[in-house]
Amino acid sequence: MNRSKGVLLAVVVIFAYLSWQLVVPFLQYVLGAVLIAFVLYPLQERLERVSSPGIAAFVLVVLAIVGFIVPFVLVALVVADDAADMVTSVDPQDLQIADLEGWIASEIGIEVDVTETVADSAEQIGSILVDQTTAWISTITHTLIGFGLTLFLLYYLLKEGDRLMAWIRDRTPLPSDVQEDFYGELDEVMWAVLAGHVLIAIVEGAIAGLGLFATGIPNAAFWTFVMIVLSLVPLIGAFLVWGPAVLYLFATGEPLLAVALAVYSAIVVGVADDYLRPIVVDRYADLSPAIIILGVLGGIYAFGIMGLFFGPVVIGALIATIDVIDEHYWRLEGDAEGT
C-alpha cells in the first residue's frame, strides 16, 4: 500500500467514525426506519408502476404512521397506564403494615413507622422528579426529533432505496452472482425473523391476552404486552404470564375460570406455537431457537428495544455470510490470483 492509499483509508476511517458518532444518539430511530422500509419496500415497487417514486414513498410514509407508529404509541400509552394502575391500586391495608411494624419491633427491637418512612421517601422522590423536569423535557424533545428523523429517513429509503442498493453493489468488490446469493440470504434471514418470529410472537401474545381479558385478570393489557415480548424467546413464551394468572384465579376463588384459562392457553396458544411458527418459518431461512434466544437477549443490550428485531438478524446474517463464503471462496481466490 502506497502513501496516497494510506492517507485515503485514514480519511475514510476518520469520517466513518465521526459519522457513527452522529448516528449513535438516534440509533433506535435509524434502525426503526430501516425495519419499516424493509417491510414496505415491496409495496413501494408496486406503487411505482402507477405513480412516481416520491408519491409512492409519501403514501407509504402515511401508511406507516397509521399502521405502525400510531398503534405503537397507543399500545405504549395503554401499557404505561396499566403499569401506573398497578402501582396506584396497592391498598396499604393489604400490605398489613401494622403487623410488619409489630414484627420488626418484636424481632429486632426497633420501633419503625413504616407509613411515615414511606411518606418521607415519597416526598423525596417527588422533589427529585421536580428537579429532573429539565431532563424529562429533554427526553421528550429527543423522542419527537427521533420520530421526525424516522419518518424523514423512511421516505428517502423508500424513494431512493434502489439507488442506494445499486451504489452499494457497485462499490462491493464481489462478482454479481455472489452478491445475489449474499443479499438473497440476508433477505431470507430478515423475513424469517420478522414473519417467523416477530409476527408469530404478536399473534401468540394477542391470543393469550384474549384469555386474560375474558377471565378478568387485572391489567390484562400490560400482561398481554409482556407475553408478546416473552413470546419472542423460544422455549419460554407466554407461559411465564398465563401460568401465574391461572394460579391467581385459583387463589382468588375462581377455579372454573382458572381451569378455562389453563385449557385455553395450553391448547390454543400451544397449537399456534407448535404449528403456525414452523409453517411460516419454513418459507424462509430456518433459524435455530438458540440463535433467536441469543439474538433477542443480546440484541436488547446492544441495540435497545430494536434489538428484539435486529439481534437475531445479525447472527443470522453472520451464518448467511459464512455460507456464501463457503460456497464461493475458492472461486473468488482463483479470480484474485488471475487478476
Protein backbone atom coordinates (compact mmCIF):
# COMPACT_ATOMS: atom_id res chain seq x y z
CA MET A 1 0.00 0.00 0.00
CA ASN A 2 1.47 3.35 -1.02
CA ARG A 3 1.26 6.56 0.95
CA SER A 4 -1.64 8.01 -1.06
CA LYS A 5 -3.84 4.96 -0.47
CA GLY A 6 -2.93 5.00 3.21
CA VAL A 7 -3.98 8.63 3.51
CA LEU A 8 -7.28 7.98 1.76
CA LEU A 9 -8.02 4.98 4.00
CA ALA A 10 -7.17 7.04 7.09
CA VAL A 11 -9.55 9.78 5.94
CA VAL A 12 -12.28 7.20 5.34
CA VAL A 13 -11.81 5.75 8.83
CA ILE A 14 -11.90 9.20 10.44
CA PHE A 15 -15.07 10.28 8.67
CA ALA A 16 -16.67 6.89 9.22
CA TYR A 17 -16.02 7.24 12.95
CA LEU A 18 -17.38 10.81 13.03
CA SER A 19 -20.45 9.75 11.05
CA TRP A 20 -21.04 6.90 13.51
CA GLN A 21 -20.94 9.39 16.38
CA LEU A 22 -23.68 11.36 14.61
CA VAL A 23 -25.84 8.25 14.22
CA VAL A 24 -25.44 6.80 17.73
CA PRO A 25 -27.76 9.30 19.54
CA PHE A 26 -30.58 8.32 17.17
CA LEU A 27 -29.62 4.69 16.50
CA GLN A 28 -33.01 3.35 17.67
CA TYR A 29 -34.86 5.59 15.25
CA VAL A 30 -32.50 4.85 12.35
CA LEU A 31 -32.95 1.11 12.89
CA GLY A 32 -36.69 1.62 13.11
CA ALA A 33 -36.71 3.43 9.76
CA VAL A 34 -34.65 0.64 8.17
CA LEU A 35 -37.00 -2.01 9.57
CA ILE A 36 -40.20 -0.32 8.36
CA ALA A 37 -38.63 0.47 4.97
CA PHE A 38 -37.69 -3.19 4.53
CA VAL A 39 -41.25 -4.28 5.25
CA LEU A 40 -42.83 -1.65 2.97
CA TYR A 41 -40.38 -1.72 0.07
CA PRO A 42 -42.26 -4.46 -1.88
CA LEU A 43 -45.30 -2.15 -1.81
CA GLN A 44 -43.08 0.74 -2.95
CA GLU A 45 -42.06 -1.25 -6.03
CA ARG A 46 -45.70 -1.97 -6.88
CA LEU A 47 -46.83 1.62 -6.38
CA GLU A 48 -44.01 2.94 -8.57
CA ARG A 49 -45.65 1.14 -11.52
CA VAL A 50 -48.59 3.54 -11.34
CA SER A 51 -47.04 6.66 -9.77
CA SER A 52 -43.76 8.45 -9.23
CA PRO A 53 -41.31 7.20 -6.56
CA GLY A 54 -41.88 10.34 -4.47
CA ILE A 55 -45.67 9.98 -4.38
CA ALA A 56 -45.41 6.25 -3.66
CA ALA A 57 -42.98 6.89 -0.80
CA PHE A 58 -45.22 9.63 0.66
CA VAL A 59 -48.26 7.32 0.58
CA LEU A 60 -46.30 4.58 2.35
CA VAL A 61 -44.99 7.01 4.99
CA VAL A 62 -48.60 7.93 5.76
CA LEU A 63 -49.41 4.22 5.87
CA ALA A 64 -46.50 3.68 8.26
CA ILE A 65 -47.79 6.43 10.55
CA VAL A 66 -51.28 4.95 10.59
CA GLY A 67 -50.31 1.28 10.61
CA PHE A 68 -47.08 1.22 12.67
CA ILE A 69 -46.28 4.36 14.62
CA VAL A 70 -49.75 5.37 15.88
CA PRO A 71 -50.63 1.83 17.06
CA PHE A 72 -47.21 1.56 18.73
CA VAL A 73 -47.75 4.83 20.60
CA LEU A 74 -51.29 3.86 21.61
CA VAL A 75 -50.17 0.47 22.87
CA ALA A 76 -47.32 2.11 24.79
CA LEU A 77 -49.79 4.53 26.42
CA VAL A 78 -52.19 1.73 27.37
CA VAL A 79 -49.39 -0.39 28.80
CA ALA A 80 -47.99 2.58 30.73
CA ASP A 81 -51.47 3.36 32.08
CA ASP A 82 -51.91 -0.25 33.21
CA ALA A 83 -48.49 -0.20 34.85
CA ALA A 84 -49.39 3.02 36.68
CA ASP A 85 -52.68 1.48 37.83
CA MET A 86 -50.77 -1.49 39.23
CA VAL A 87 -48.72 0.86 41.38
CA THR A 88 -51.52 3.19 42.50
CA SER A 89 -54.03 0.41 43.19
CA VAL A 90 -51.97 -1.07 46.03
CA ASP A 91 -54.02 -0.83 49.23
CA PRO A 92 -51.90 -0.16 52.32
CA GLN A 93 -54.28 -2.34 54.33
CA ASP A 94 -53.42 -5.28 52.08
CA LEU A 95 -49.77 -4.84 52.95
CA GLN A 96 -50.52 -5.34 56.69
CA ILE A 97 -48.22 -2.52 57.64
CA ALA A 98 -49.20 -2.68 61.32
CA ASP A 99 -48.26 -6.36 61.50
CA LEU A 100 -44.98 -5.60 59.76
CA GLU A 101 -44.17 -2.84 62.25
CA GLY A 102 -45.04 -5.16 65.18
CA TRP A 103 -42.84 -7.94 63.78
CA ILE A 104 -39.87 -5.55 63.39
CA ALA A 105 -40.37 -4.27 66.96
CA SER A 106 -40.61 -7.77 68.49
CA GLU A 107 -37.85 -9.44 66.49
CA ILE A 108 -35.33 -6.63 66.10
CA GLY A 109 -36.31 -4.32 68.94
CA ILE A 110 -36.57 -1.22 66.77
CA GLU A 111 -39.68 0.95 66.59
CA VAL A 112 -40.36 1.76 62.95
CA ASP A 113 -43.17 3.85 61.48
CA VAL A 114 -43.33 2.32 58.00
CA THR A 115 -46.11 4.63 56.83
CA GLU A 116 -44.18 7.76 57.81
CA THR A 117 -41.00 6.39 56.29
CA VAL A 118 -42.74 5.66 53.01
CA ALA A 119 -44.34 9.10 53.04
CA ASP A 120 -40.95 10.76 53.59
CA SER A 121 -39.48 8.69 50.79
CA ALA A 122 -42.33 9.66 48.50
CA GLU A 123 -41.74 13.33 49.31
CA GLN A 124 -38.05 12.97 48.49
CA ILE A 125 -38.90 11.18 45.25
CA GLY A 126 -41.29 13.99 44.38
CA SER A 127 -38.55 16.55 44.93
CA ILE A 128 -36.21 14.54 42.70
CA LEU A 129 -38.84 14.38 39.97
CA VAL A 130 -39.30 18.14 40.11
CA ASP A 131 -35.55 18.60 39.87
CA GLN A 132 -35.49 16.29 36.86
CA THR A 133 -38.10 18.27 34.93
CA THR A 134 -35.46 19.62 32.58
CA ALA A 135 -34.24 16.10 31.88
CA TRP A 136 -37.81 14.96 31.11
CA ILE A 137 -38.30 17.86 28.72
CA SER A 138 -35.01 16.97 27.03
CA THR A 139 -36.10 13.33 26.70
CA ILE A 140 -39.45 14.28 25.19
CA THR A 141 -37.74 16.64 22.76
CA HIS A 142 -35.24 13.95 21.77
CA THR A 143 -38.10 11.49 21.20
CA LEU A 144 -40.03 13.90 18.99
CA ILE A 145 -36.92 14.67 16.95
CA GLY A 146 -36.22 10.94 16.69
CA PHE A 147 -39.70 10.18 15.35
CA GLY A 148 -39.33 13.01 12.85
CA LEU A 149 -35.98 11.58 11.77
CA THR A 150 -37.54 8.13 11.38
CA LEU A 151 -40.21 9.46 9.01
CA PHE A 152 -37.65 11.51 7.05
CA LEU A 153 -35.31 8.54 6.63
CA LEU A 154 -38.19 6.22 5.83
CA TYR A 155 -39.31 8.49 2.98
CA TYR A 156 -35.88 8.57 1.36
CA LEU A 157 -35.16 4.88 1.97
CA LEU A 158 -38.35 4.07 0.09
CA LYS A 159 -37.90 6.68 -2.63
CA GLU A 160 -34.19 6.04 -3.27
CA GLY A 161 -33.80 2.50 -1.95
CA ASP A 162 -32.99 1.08 -5.37
CA ARG A 163 -30.33 3.73 -5.97
CA LEU A 164 -28.82 3.03 -2.55
CA MET A 165 -28.60 -0.70 -3.23
CA ALA A 166 -27.13 -0.05 -6.68
CA TRP A 167 -24.49 2.21 -5.09
CA ILE A 168 -23.63 -0.48 -2.53
CA ARG A 169 -23.42 -3.18 -5.19
CA ASP A 170 -21.20 -1.07 -7.44
CA ARG A 171 -18.74 -0.49 -4.61
CA THR A 172 -18.70 -4.02 -3.29
CA PRO A 173 -15.73 -5.89 -4.83
CA LEU A 174 -17.63 -9.14 -5.39
CA PRO A 175 -19.00 -10.75 -8.56
CA SER A 176 -22.66 -10.05 -9.24
CA ASP A 177 -23.73 -13.68 -8.70
CA VAL A 178 -22.00 -13.76 -5.30
CA GLN A 179 -23.76 -10.55 -4.33
CA GLU A 180 -27.07 -12.02 -5.45
CA ASP A 181 -26.53 -15.04 -3.19
CA PHE A 182 -25.38 -12.86 -0.31
CA TYR A 183 -28.26 -10.37 -0.42
CA GLY A 184 -30.71 -13.20 -1.06
CA GLU A 185 -29.52 -14.94 2.11
CA LEU A 186 -29.85 -11.69 4.09
CA ASP A 187 -33.35 -11.13 2.74
CA GLU A 188 -34.43 -14.62 3.82
CA VAL A 189 -32.96 -14.15 7.29
CA MET A 190 -34.72 -10.81 7.71
CA TRP A 191 -38.09 -12.21 6.69
CA ALA A 192 -37.56 -15.32 8.82
CA VAL A 193 -37.11 -13.12 11.88
CA LEU A 194 -39.94 -10.70 11.09
CA ALA A 195 -42.56 -13.15 9.80
CA GLY A 196 -41.46 -16.34 11.50
CA HIS A 197 -40.80 -14.98 14.97
CA VAL A 198 -41.91 -11.37 15.50
CA LEU A 199 -45.27 -11.82 13.77
CA ILE A 200 -45.87 -15.17 15.46
CA ALA A 201 -44.95 -13.64 18.84
CA ILE A 202 -47.51 -10.88 18.32
CA VAL A 203 -50.17 -13.43 17.33
CA GLU A 204 -49.38 -15.71 20.29
CA GLY A 205 -49.29 -12.84 22.78
CA ALA A 206 -52.56 -11.42 21.47
CA ILE A 207 -54.28 -14.83 21.57
CA ALA A 208 -53.09 -15.41 25.13
CA GLY A 209 -54.12 -11.86 26.04
CA LEU A 210 -57.70 -12.57 24.98
CA GLY A 211 -57.78 -15.28 27.64
CA LEU A 212 -56.61 -12.79 30.27
CA PHE A 213 -59.29 -10.27 29.28
CA ALA A 214 -62.00 -12.94 29.18
CA THR A 215 -61.18 -14.26 32.66
CA GLY A 216 -60.91 -10.79 34.22
CA ILE A 217 -57.19 -10.73 35.03
CA PRO A 218 -56.30 -7.23 36.28
CA ASN A 219 -54.18 -5.05 34.00
CA ALA A 220 -54.60 -7.50 31.13
CA ALA A 221 -53.26 -5.03 28.54
CA PHE A 222 -49.94 -4.74 30.37
CA TRP A 223 -49.57 -8.51 30.74
CA THR A 224 -50.51 -9.05 27.10
CA PHE A 225 -47.62 -6.79 26.10
CA VAL A 226 -45.32 -8.76 28.40
CA MET A 227 -46.46 -12.02 26.78
CA ILE A 228 -45.75 -10.66 23.31
CA VAL A 229 -42.19 -9.82 24.35
CA LEU A 230 -41.72 -13.18 26.07
CA SER A 231 -43.07 -15.00 23.01
CA LEU A 232 -40.09 -13.66 21.06
CA VAL A 233 -37.93 -16.00 23.13
CA PRO A 234 -38.49 -19.67 22.21
CA LEU A 235 -38.93 -22.26 24.97
CA ILE A 236 -40.06 -19.56 27.41
CA GLY A 237 -43.01 -17.83 25.80
CA ALA A 238 -46.25 -16.61 27.28
CA PHE A 239 -46.45 -19.36 29.92
CA LEU A 240 -44.49 -17.17 32.35
CA VAL A 241 -47.56 -14.90 32.42
CA TRP A 242 -50.61 -17.10 31.87
CA GLY A 243 -49.27 -19.78 34.25
CA PRO A 244 -49.19 -17.43 37.27
CA ALA A 245 -52.52 -15.96 36.07
CA VAL A 246 -54.08 -19.41 36.43
CA LEU A 247 -52.70 -19.66 39.98
CA TYR A 248 -54.05 -16.18 40.70
CA LEU A 249 -57.55 -17.23 39.67
CA PHE A 250 -57.35 -20.32 41.89
CA ALA A 251 -56.13 -18.19 44.81
CA THR A 252 -58.98 -15.69 44.37
CA GLY A 253 -61.66 -18.39 44.41
CA GLU A 254 -62.29 -18.71 40.67
CA PRO A 255 -61.42 -22.36 39.93
CA LEU A 256 -63.64 -22.63 36.84
CA LEU A 257 -62.05 -19.56 35.27
CA ALA A 258 -58.62 -20.88 36.23
CA VAL A 259 -59.24 -24.22 34.52
CA ALA A 260 -60.73 -22.48 31.48
CA LEU A 261 -57.71 -20.18 31.15
CA ALA A 262 -55.29 -23.09 31.58
CA VAL A 263 -57.02 -25.22 28.94
CA TYR A 264 -57.41 -22.31 26.52
CA SER A 265 -53.80 -21.18 26.87
CA ALA A 266 -52.30 -24.67 26.73
CA ILE A 267 -54.27 -25.73 23.66
CA VAL A 268 -54.81 -22.60 21.59
CA VAL A 269 -51.51 -20.85 22.34
CA GLY A 270 -49.61 -24.15 22.23
CA VAL A 271 -51.09 -25.05 18.83
CA ALA A 272 -50.17 -21.62 17.48
CA ASP A 273 -46.58 -22.09 18.61
CA ASP A 274 -46.23 -25.72 17.51
CA TYR A 275 -47.87 -25.42 14.10
CA LEU A 276 -48.10 -21.79 12.99
CA ARG A 277 -44.44 -20.96 13.65
CA PRO A 278 -42.99 -23.86 11.59
CA ILE A 279 -45.39 -23.14 8.70
CA VAL A 280 -44.23 -19.54 8.49
CA VAL A 281 -40.56 -20.16 9.23
CA ASP A 282 -40.25 -22.92 6.64
CA ARG A 283 -40.98 -20.36 3.93
CA TYR A 284 -37.79 -18.53 4.82
CA ALA A 285 -34.45 -19.30 6.48
CA ASP A 286 -34.51 -21.95 9.18
CA LEU A 287 -33.15 -20.26 12.30
CA SER A 288 -32.33 -22.31 15.39
CA PRO A 289 -34.09 -21.35 18.66
CA ALA A 290 -30.59 -20.82 20.10
CA ILE A 291 -29.99 -18.08 17.52
CA ILE A 292 -33.28 -16.42 18.40
CA ILE A 293 -32.66 -16.54 22.15
CA LEU A 294 -29.11 -15.21 21.90
CA GLY A 295 -30.12 -12.64 19.31
CA VAL A 296 -33.09 -11.31 21.27
CA LEU A 297 -31.37 -11.12 24.66
CA GLY A 298 -28.05 -9.86 23.31
CA GLY A 299 -29.78 -7.52 20.88
CA ILE A 300 -31.62 -5.74 23.69
CA TYR A 301 -28.30 -4.97 25.39
CA ALA A 302 -26.61 -3.96 22.14
CA PHE A 303 -29.37 -2.02 20.34
CA GLY A 304 -32.06 -1.37 22.95
CA ILE A 305 -35.66 -2.15 22.06
CA MET A 306 -34.82 -2.51 18.36
CA GLY A 307 -32.50 -5.35 19.33
CA LEU A 308 -35.61 -7.53 19.64
CA PHE A 309 -35.72 -7.45 15.84
CA PHE A 310 -32.12 -6.86 14.76
CA GLY A 311 -30.34 -9.13 17.25
CA PRO A 312 -31.39 -12.41 15.58
CA VAL A 313 -30.86 -10.79 12.16
CA VAL A 314 -27.23 -10.00 12.98
CA ILE A 315 -26.45 -13.59 14.00
CA GLY A 316 -28.45 -14.98 11.10
CA ALA A 317 -26.58 -12.64 8.73
CA LEU A 318 -23.26 -13.92 10.07
CA ILE A 319 -24.30 -17.51 9.35
CA ALA A 320 -25.54 -16.50 5.89
CA THR A 321 -22.22 -14.77 5.18
CA ILE A 322 -20.28 -17.85 6.21
CA ASP A 323 -22.47 -19.97 3.90
CA VAL A 324 -21.76 -17.65 0.97
CA ILE A 325 -18.04 -17.70 1.72
CA ASP A 326 -18.05 -21.48 1.94
CA GLU A 327 -19.79 -21.72 -1.43
CA HIS A 328 -17.73 -19.17 -3.37
CA TYR A 329 -14.43 -18.82 -1.51
CA TRP A 330 -12.22 -20.93 -3.75
CA ARG A 331 -13.60 -19.37 -6.92
CA LEU A 332 -13.00 -15.89 -5.53
CA GLU A 333 -9.46 -16.84 -4.57
CA GLY A 334 -8.90 -18.03 -8.15
CA ASP A 335 -10.26 -14.75 -9.51
CA ALA A 336 -7.88 -12.82 -7.27
CA GLU A 337 -4.90 -14.82 -8.50
CA GLY A 338 -5.98 -14.27 -12.09
CA THR A 339 -6.05 -10.54 -11.62
